[in-house]
Amino acid sequence: MNFIAKNWKGLLLCLCIAIPSWFLGKAFPIVGGAVIAIISGMIVTLFIKNKTSYESGIKFSSKKILQWAVILLGFGLNLNVILQTGKQSLPIIMSTIAISLIVSFILCKLMHIPGKISTLVGVGSSICGGSAIAATAPVIDADDEEVAQSISVIFFFNVLAAIFFPTLGKLLGFAPTGDAFGIFAGTAINDTSSVTAAAATWDNMYNLGSQTLDTAVTVKLTRTLAIIPITLVLAFVRIKKEKNNNNQKKVPLKQIFPTFILYFIAASVITTVAVSFGVDASVFNPIKEISKFFIVLAMAAIGLNTNIIKLVKTGGKPIFMGLCCWIAITCVSLLMQSILGIW
């Protein structure tokens, strides 16, 4: 009862933003519910003079519900399918993740961009957009404004990719069969909604049914698995920094270690085992939808805690970083496909 009394106002406010954002996201998938929720939250918060009674529920939504969203995301991953059909794209995925993290690290040093924003933009660009940012933010203790800034950068380039990549693929001479473009979209576009939009457009251009879409989504799911090693590495880096900052005092591992990632792995294993025993993968679809809604709910909370004026004023450098990561990932994806004889 104490939890309800403490959090109900903030949770209700977040739900009032998240529910319409969820449905608008369904209507406009290129934009997505998460982005609509975060922008709506930024606008709504301008009209709230005193947020004291809402703060606890908003914080719970932006932290705990965000972690639950990542855990439930694991129920969408059948590891057997990913390992069987995603292995062709694995060298490309590893290369694009590496180049994005390298570019973000270099620009962080050269342009003095805050380290947490650089990490979130680098991880979001290279792995899976909002989901990767959702998983990484609690590990590096990023605040809501840093998450909002990173999501905004990723969103901007998602929309551009969804619109222009099918035309770019045609200009580059991708075969109409869809496999090469599917791998390209799955490795060079960071968010699932934009990957889906670009791949579906390619299928429509050449009347391929869902051939390109199936390839692109599988590659995208393979990229999602990179959340596991990336978050674990970042956790140990943070532990080392915390020890140095506290003059070698012992830092509680539980305080920093991303235990929710272990639940994410467990959810993936449950899905894989269940499907291998004949359970239809569609059984897990409702859980995947809940995961997506939780991300929208968390983004509403993050928007409520974000100063939109400050975000606009400080957005130039992160956007430039996002552009550089996007260009680098695109070029490396094309280069690796050429080397491997896919394109």
Protein backbone atom coordinates (compact mmCIF):
# COMPACT_ATOMS: atom_id res chain seq x y z
CA MET A 1 0.00 0.00 0.00
CA ASN A 2 2.88 2.36 0.78
CA PHE A 3 4.23 1.78 -2.76
CA ILE A 4 0.87 2.76 -4.29
CA ALA A 5 0.49 5.84 -2.09
CA LYS A 6 3.99 6.95 -2.95
CA ASN A 7 3.99 6.29 -6.69
CA TRP A 8 0.43 6.33 -8.04
CA LYS A 9 0.36 9.96 -9.19
CA GLY A 10 3.59 9.72 -11.15
CA LEU A 11 2.67 6.34 -12.63
CA LEU A 12 -0.78 7.60 -13.65
CA LEU A 13 0.75 10.66 -15.32
CA CYS A 14 3.19 8.47 -17.25
CA LEU A 15 0.36 6.14 -18.31
CA CYS A 16 -1.73 9.09 -19.51
CA ILE A 17 1.14 9.98 -21.85
CA ALA A 18 2.20 6.43 -22.75
CA ILE A 19 -1.17 5.00 -23.80
CA PRO A 20 -1.97 7.54 -26.56
CA SER A 21 1.71 7.53 -27.57
CA TRP A 22 1.55 3.73 -27.95
CA PHE A 23 -1.40 3.92 -30.33
CA LEU A 24 0.08 6.84 -32.27
CA GLY A 25 3.28 4.81 -32.60
CA LYS A 26 1.25 1.98 -34.14
CA ALA A 27 -0.23 4.43 -36.63
CA PHE A 28 3.14 6.01 -37.44
CA PRO A 29 5.71 3.19 -37.02
CA ILE A 30 8.58 5.14 -38.59
CA VAL A 31 8.39 7.59 -35.69
CA GLY A 32 7.44 5.03 -33.05
CA GLY A 33 5.65 5.27 -29.72
CA ALA A 34 8.84 5.73 -27.69
CA VAL A 35 9.79 8.96 -29.48
CA ILE A 36 6.22 10.29 -29.33
CA ALA A 37 6.13 9.56 -25.58
CA ILE A 38 9.43 11.25 -24.84
CA ILE A 39 8.48 14.39 -26.80
CA SER A 40 5.02 14.45 -25.19
CA GLY A 41 6.60 14.13 -21.75
CA MET A 42 8.91 17.07 -22.46
CA ILE A 43 5.92 19.21 -23.45
CA VAL A 44 3.67 18.15 -20.55
CA THR A 45 6.36 18.85 -17.96
CA LEU A 46 6.47 22.52 -19.06
CA PHE A 47 2.92 22.93 -17.71
CA ILE A 48 3.52 21.30 -14.31
CA LYS A 49 4.63 23.92 -11.80
CA ASN A 50 5.30 21.52 -8.92
CA LYS A 51 6.27 17.92 -9.67
CA THR A 52 7.03 16.90 -6.07
CA SER A 53 4.06 14.55 -5.72
CA TYR A 54 4.83 12.96 -9.09
CA GLU A 55 8.59 12.50 -8.73
CA SER A 56 8.63 9.06 -7.08
CA GLY A 57 6.33 7.45 -9.68
CA ILE A 58 8.18 9.13 -12.56
CA LYS A 59 11.52 7.88 -11.22
CA PHE A 60 10.14 4.35 -10.79
CA SER A 61 8.93 4.38 -14.40
CA SER A 62 12.17 5.72 -15.85
CA LYS A 63 14.39 3.30 -13.91
CA LYS A 64 12.65 0.07 -12.88
CA ILE A 65 10.10 -0.23 -15.67
CA LEU A 66 12.86 0.46 -18.18
CA GLN A 67 14.79 -2.53 -16.80
CA TRP A 68 11.69 -4.73 -16.91
CA ALA A 69 11.24 -3.76 -20.56
CA VAL A 70 14.72 -5.05 -21.35
CA ILE A 71 14.09 -8.30 -19.45
CA LEU A 72 10.84 -8.97 -21.33
CA LEU A 73 12.61 -8.17 -24.60
CA GLY A 74 14.46 -11.46 -24.11
CA PHE A 75 11.24 -13.41 -24.78
CA GLY A 76 11.47 -12.27 -28.40
CA LEU A 77 14.79 -13.97 -28.97
CA ASN A 78 15.00 -17.57 -30.16
CA LEU A 79 18.75 -18.16 -29.91
CA ASN A 80 18.67 -21.17 -32.26
CA VAL A 81 17.09 -19.18 -35.10
CA ILE A 82 19.48 -16.30 -34.57
CA LEU A 83 22.55 -18.56 -34.55
CA GLN A 84 21.42 -20.47 -37.64
CA THR A 85 20.31 -17.62 -39.88
CA GLY A 86 22.28 -14.76 -38.38
CA LYS A 87 25.77 -16.27 -38.59
CA GLN A 88 26.29 -14.97 -42.15
CA SER A 89 25.86 -11.44 -40.90
CA LEU A 90 27.88 -11.87 -37.68
CA PRO A 91 31.21 -10.49 -39.05
CA ILE A 92 29.33 -7.47 -40.40
CA ILE A 93 27.55 -6.92 -37.09
CA MET A 94 30.79 -7.13 -35.10
CA SER A 95 32.49 -4.70 -37.49
CA THR A 96 29.67 -2.14 -37.41
CA ILE A 97 29.46 -2.27 -33.60
CA ALA A 98 33.23 -1.81 -33.32
CA ILE A 99 33.37 1.16 -35.72
CA SER A 100 30.46 2.93 -34.01
CA LEU A 101 32.03 2.60 -30.57
CA ILE A 102 35.43 3.72 -31.90
CA VAL A 103 33.95 6.77 -33.66
CA SER A 104 31.93 7.78 -30.59
CA PHE A 105 35.00 7.39 -28.35
CA ILE A 106 37.21 9.49 -30.64
CA LEU A 107 34.61 12.25 -31.01
CA CYS A 108 34.00 12.22 -27.25
CA LYS A 109 37.67 13.09 -26.72
CA LEU A 110 38.02 15.53 -29.64
CA MET A 111 34.76 17.44 -29.15
CA HIS A 112 34.49 17.13 -25.35
CA ILE A 113 31.06 15.51 -25.53
CA PRO A 114 29.92 14.12 -22.14
CA GLY A 115 31.05 10.52 -21.78
CA LYS A 116 27.65 9.06 -20.91
CA ILE A 117 25.94 10.66 -23.92
CA SER A 118 28.79 9.45 -26.15
CA THR A 119 28.39 5.91 -24.81
CA LEU A 120 24.62 5.92 -25.28
CA VAL A 121 24.81 7.32 -28.82
CA GLY A 122 27.58 4.85 -29.76
CA VAL A 123 25.74 1.86 -28.32
CA GLY A 124 22.35 2.97 -29.64
CA SER A 125 23.74 3.51 -33.15
CA SER A 126 25.58 0.22 -33.29
CA ILE A 127 23.22 -2.25 -31.57
CA CYS A 128 19.51 -1.61 -31.55
CA GLY A 129 18.59 1.99 -30.91
CA GLY A 130 16.23 2.61 -28.01
CA SER A 131 16.46 -0.92 -26.60
CA ALA A 132 20.25 -0.72 -26.32
CA ILE A 133 20.03 2.71 -24.71
CA ALA A 134 17.41 1.36 -22.30
CA ALA A 135 19.75 -1.47 -21.30
CA THR A 136 22.88 0.67 -21.09
CA ALA A 137 21.52 3.73 -19.24
CA PRO A 138 21.14 2.11 -15.78
CA VAL A 139 24.52 0.40 -16.12
CA ILE A 140 26.40 3.68 -16.61
CA ASP A 141 24.01 5.61 -14.33
CA ALA A 142 22.93 8.00 -17.09
CA ASP A 143 20.35 10.60 -16.06
CA ASP A 144 17.06 11.15 -17.85
CA GLU A 145 18.28 14.15 -19.87
CA GLU A 146 21.23 12.14 -21.19
CA VAL A 147 18.88 9.30 -22.18
CA ALA A 148 16.48 11.76 -23.83
CA GLN A 149 19.27 13.39 -25.80
CA SER A 150 20.58 10.04 -27.03
CA ILE A 151 17.11 8.78 -27.98
CA SER A 152 16.47 12.00 -29.91
CA VAL A 153 19.71 11.62 -31.91
CA ILE A 154 18.96 7.98 -32.71
CA PHE A 155 15.39 8.82 -33.72
CA PHE A 156 16.51 11.50 -36.17
CA PHE A 157 18.76 9.16 -38.12
CA ASN A 158 16.22 6.30 -37.88
CA VAL A 159 13.70 8.35 -39.83
CA LEU A 160 16.29 9.34 -42.45
CA ALA A 161 17.37 5.71 -42.87
CA ALA A 162 13.82 4.40 -43.22
CA ILE A 163 13.09 6.99 -45.92
CA PHE A 164 16.32 6.97 -47.93
CA PHE A 165 17.86 3.48 -47.57
CA PRO A 166 15.63 1.71 -50.13
CA THR A 167 16.56 4.35 -52.73
CA LEU A 168 20.22 4.14 -51.69
CA GLY A 169 20.11 0.34 -52.04
CA LYS A 170 18.72 0.66 -55.55
CA LEU A 171 21.39 3.19 -56.53
CA LEU A 172 24.11 0.92 -55.13
CA GLY A 173 22.86 -1.97 -57.26
CA PHE A 174 21.64 -4.40 -54.60
CA ALA A 175 20.12 -7.53 -56.13
CA PRO A 176 16.30 -7.49 -56.15
CA THR A 177 16.21 -10.84 -54.30
CA GLY A 178 16.29 -8.99 -51.00
CA ASP A 179 18.94 -10.93 -49.05
CA ALA A 180 21.74 -8.39 -49.50
CA PHE A 181 19.51 -5.40 -48.79
CA GLY A 182 18.02 -7.22 -45.79
CA ILE A 183 21.50 -7.67 -44.31
CA PHE A 184 22.32 -4.05 -45.15
CA ALA A 185 19.18 -2.74 -43.44
CA GLY A 186 19.62 -5.07 -40.47
CA THR A 187 23.21 -3.99 -39.84
CA ALA A 188 23.17 -0.29 -40.82
CA ILE A 189 19.82 0.86 -39.37
CA ASN A 190 19.68 0.84 -35.60
CA ASP A 191 16.01 0.70 -34.55
CA THR A 192 13.62 -2.18 -35.25
CA SER A 193 10.80 0.07 -36.49
CA SER A 194 13.04 1.71 -39.09
CA VAL A 195 14.61 -1.61 -40.12
CA THR A 196 11.10 -2.98 -40.64
CA ALA A 197 10.00 0.08 -42.61
CA ALA A 198 13.02 0.04 -44.95
CA ALA A 199 12.88 -3.74 -45.53
CA ALA A 200 9.12 -3.70 -46.14
CA THR A 201 9.59 -0.90 -48.69
CA TRP A 202 12.19 -3.01 -50.54
CA ASP A 203 9.83 -6.00 -50.55
CA ASN A 204 7.09 -3.82 -52.02
CA MET A 205 9.42 -2.42 -54.68
CA TYR A 206 10.18 -5.91 -56.03
CA ASN A 207 7.07 -7.86 -54.93
CA LEU A 208 9.07 -10.13 -52.63
CA GLY A 209 6.40 -10.78 -50.03
CA SER A 210 8.31 -10.67 -46.72
CA GLN A 211 11.66 -12.10 -47.88
CA THR A 212 13.71 -8.96 -47.22
CA LEU A 213 11.83 -8.24 -44.02
CA ASP A 214 12.51 -11.73 -42.60
CA THR A 215 16.24 -11.40 -43.33
CA ALA A 216 16.49 -7.86 -41.94
CA VAL A 217 14.63 -8.66 -38.71
CA THR A 218 16.73 -11.78 -38.07
CA VAL A 219 19.93 -9.78 -38.53
CA LYS A 220 18.50 -7.09 -36.25
CA LEU A 221 17.72 -9.66 -33.54
CA THR A 222 21.27 -10.99 -33.84
CA ARG A 223 22.53 -7.46 -33.18
CA THR A 224 20.29 -7.27 -30.11
CA LEU A 225 22.32 -10.04 -28.45
CA ALA A 226 25.28 -7.63 -28.37
CA ILE A 227 23.48 -5.91 -25.49
CA ILE A 228 24.78 -8.68 -23.22
CA PRO A 229 28.58 -8.31 -23.64
CA ILE A 230 28.42 -4.52 -24.05
CA THR A 231 26.51 -3.93 -20.79
CA LEU A 232 28.71 -6.37 -18.87
CA VAL A 233 31.89 -4.67 -20.10
CA LEU A 234 30.49 -1.23 -19.24
CA ALA A 235 29.54 -2.48 -15.78
CA PHE A 236 33.08 -3.65 -15.04
CA VAL A 237 34.53 -0.40 -16.42
CA ARG A 238 32.25 1.54 -14.06
CA ILE A 239 33.25 -0.69 -11.12
CA LYS A 240 36.90 0.10 -11.82
CA LYS A 241 36.19 3.84 -12.01
CA GLU A 242 34.16 3.75 -8.80
CA LYS A 243 37.03 2.02 -7.00
CA ASN A 244 39.50 4.64 -8.22
CA ASN A 245 37.19 7.48 -7.22
CA ASN A 246 36.73 6.01 -3.74
CA ASN A 247 40.45 5.52 -3.06
CA GLN A 248 40.32 1.76 -3.60
CA LYS A 249 37.41 1.29 -1.19
CA LYS A 250 35.30 -1.74 -1.93
CA VAL A 251 32.37 -0.97 -4.22
CA PRO A 252 29.33 -3.28 -3.85
CA LEU A 253 29.09 -5.33 -7.03
CA LYS A 254 25.30 -5.58 -6.68
CA GLN A 255 25.07 -1.79 -6.79
CA ILE A 256 26.61 -1.57 -10.26
CA PHE A 257 26.32 -5.00 -11.89
CA PRO A 258 23.36 -5.11 -14.34
CA THR A 259 21.52 -8.07 -12.80
CA PHE A 260 18.55 -7.39 -15.09
CA ILE A 261 20.74 -8.50 -18.01
CA LEU A 262 20.93 -11.94 -16.41
CA TYR A 263 17.12 -12.07 -16.44
CA PHE A 264 17.21 -10.94 -20.08
CA ILE A 265 19.49 -13.92 -20.87
CA ALA A 266 17.21 -16.24 -18.88
CA ALA A 267 14.17 -15.02 -20.85
CA SER A 268 16.00 -15.73 -24.11
CA VAL A 269 16.95 -19.23 -22.93
CA ILE A 270 13.34 -19.95 -21.83
CA THR A 271 12.08 -18.92 -25.29
CA THR A 272 14.71 -21.02 -27.05
CA VAL A 273 14.05 -24.14 -24.95
CA ALA A 274 10.27 -23.78 -25.21
CA VAL A 275 10.35 -23.42 -29.00
CA SER A 276 12.73 -26.40 -29.32
CA PHE A 277 10.11 -28.49 -27.46
CA GLY A 278 7.42 -27.53 -29.95
CA VAL A 279 5.91 -24.43 -28.36
CA ASP A 280 4.82 -21.94 -31.03
CA ALA A 281 6.96 -18.79 -30.92
CA SER A 282 3.81 -16.68 -31.25
CA VAL A 283 2.99 -17.61 -27.63
CA PHE A 284 5.59 -15.05 -26.58
CA ASN A 285 4.19 -12.24 -28.75
CA PRO A 286 2.05 -10.72 -25.94
CA ILE A 287 5.15 -10.53 -23.70
CA LYS A 288 7.10 -8.83 -26.49
CA GLU A 289 4.27 -6.29 -26.85
CA ILE A 290 4.34 -5.62 -23.10
CA SER A 291 8.10 -5.03 -23.39
CA LYS A 292 7.55 -2.48 -26.13
CA PHE A 293 4.82 -0.74 -24.11
CA PHE A 294 7.09 -0.61 -21.05
CA ILE A 295 9.72 1.16 -23.14
CA VAL A 296 7.09 3.71 -24.22
CA LEU A 297 6.03 4.14 -20.58
CA ALA A 298 9.63 4.64 -19.46
CA MET A 299 10.24 7.15 -22.26
CA ALA A 300 7.20 9.15 -21.09
CA ALA A 301 8.81 9.35 -17.64
CA ILE A 302 12.17 10.34 -19.10
CA GLY A 303 10.47 13.07 -21.12
CA LEU A 304 8.83 14.40 -17.95
CA ASN A 305 12.27 14.70 -16.34
CA THR A 306 13.86 16.44 -19.34
CA ASN A 307 14.35 20.15 -19.94
CA ILE A 308 13.50 20.54 -23.63
CA ILE A 309 15.10 23.99 -23.85
CA LYS A 310 18.39 22.70 -22.48
CA LEU A 311 18.15 19.67 -24.78
CA VAL A 312 17.86 21.86 -27.89
CA LYS A 313 20.72 24.13 -26.79
CA THR A 314 23.13 21.26 -26.16
CA GLY A 315 22.04 19.00 -29.02
CA GLY A 316 24.48 20.02 -31.76
CA LYS A 317 27.49 17.92 -30.84
CA PRO A 318 25.58 14.69 -30.10
CA ILE A 319 23.74 15.02 -33.44
CA PHE A 320 27.08 15.40 -35.25
CA MET A 321 28.35 12.34 -33.39
CA GLY A 322 25.24 10.40 -34.41
CA LEU A 323 25.78 11.43 -38.04
CA CYS A 324 29.41 10.26 -37.98
CA CYS A 325 28.45 6.94 -36.36
CA TRP A 326 25.67 6.45 -38.92
CA ILE A 327 27.94 7.16 -41.90
CA ALA A 328 30.70 4.93 -40.48
CA ILE A 329 28.30 2.03 -39.84
CA THR A 330 26.81 2.33 -43.34
CA CYS A 331 30.23 2.36 -45.02
CA VAL A 332 31.57 -0.56 -42.96
CA SER A 333 28.41 -2.60 -43.61
CA LEU A 334 28.82 -2.10 -47.38
CA LEU A 335 32.55 -2.81 -47.22
CA MET A 336 32.08 -6.04 -45.26
CA GLN A 337 29.30 -7.22 -47.59
CA SER A 338 31.60 -6.60 -50.54
CA ILE A 339 34.47 -8.51 -48.89
CA LEU A 340 32.18 -11.43 -48.02
CA GLY A 341 30.72 -11.51 -51.54
CA ILE A 342 27.16 -10.74 -50.43
CA TRP A 343 26.94 -7.49 -52.38
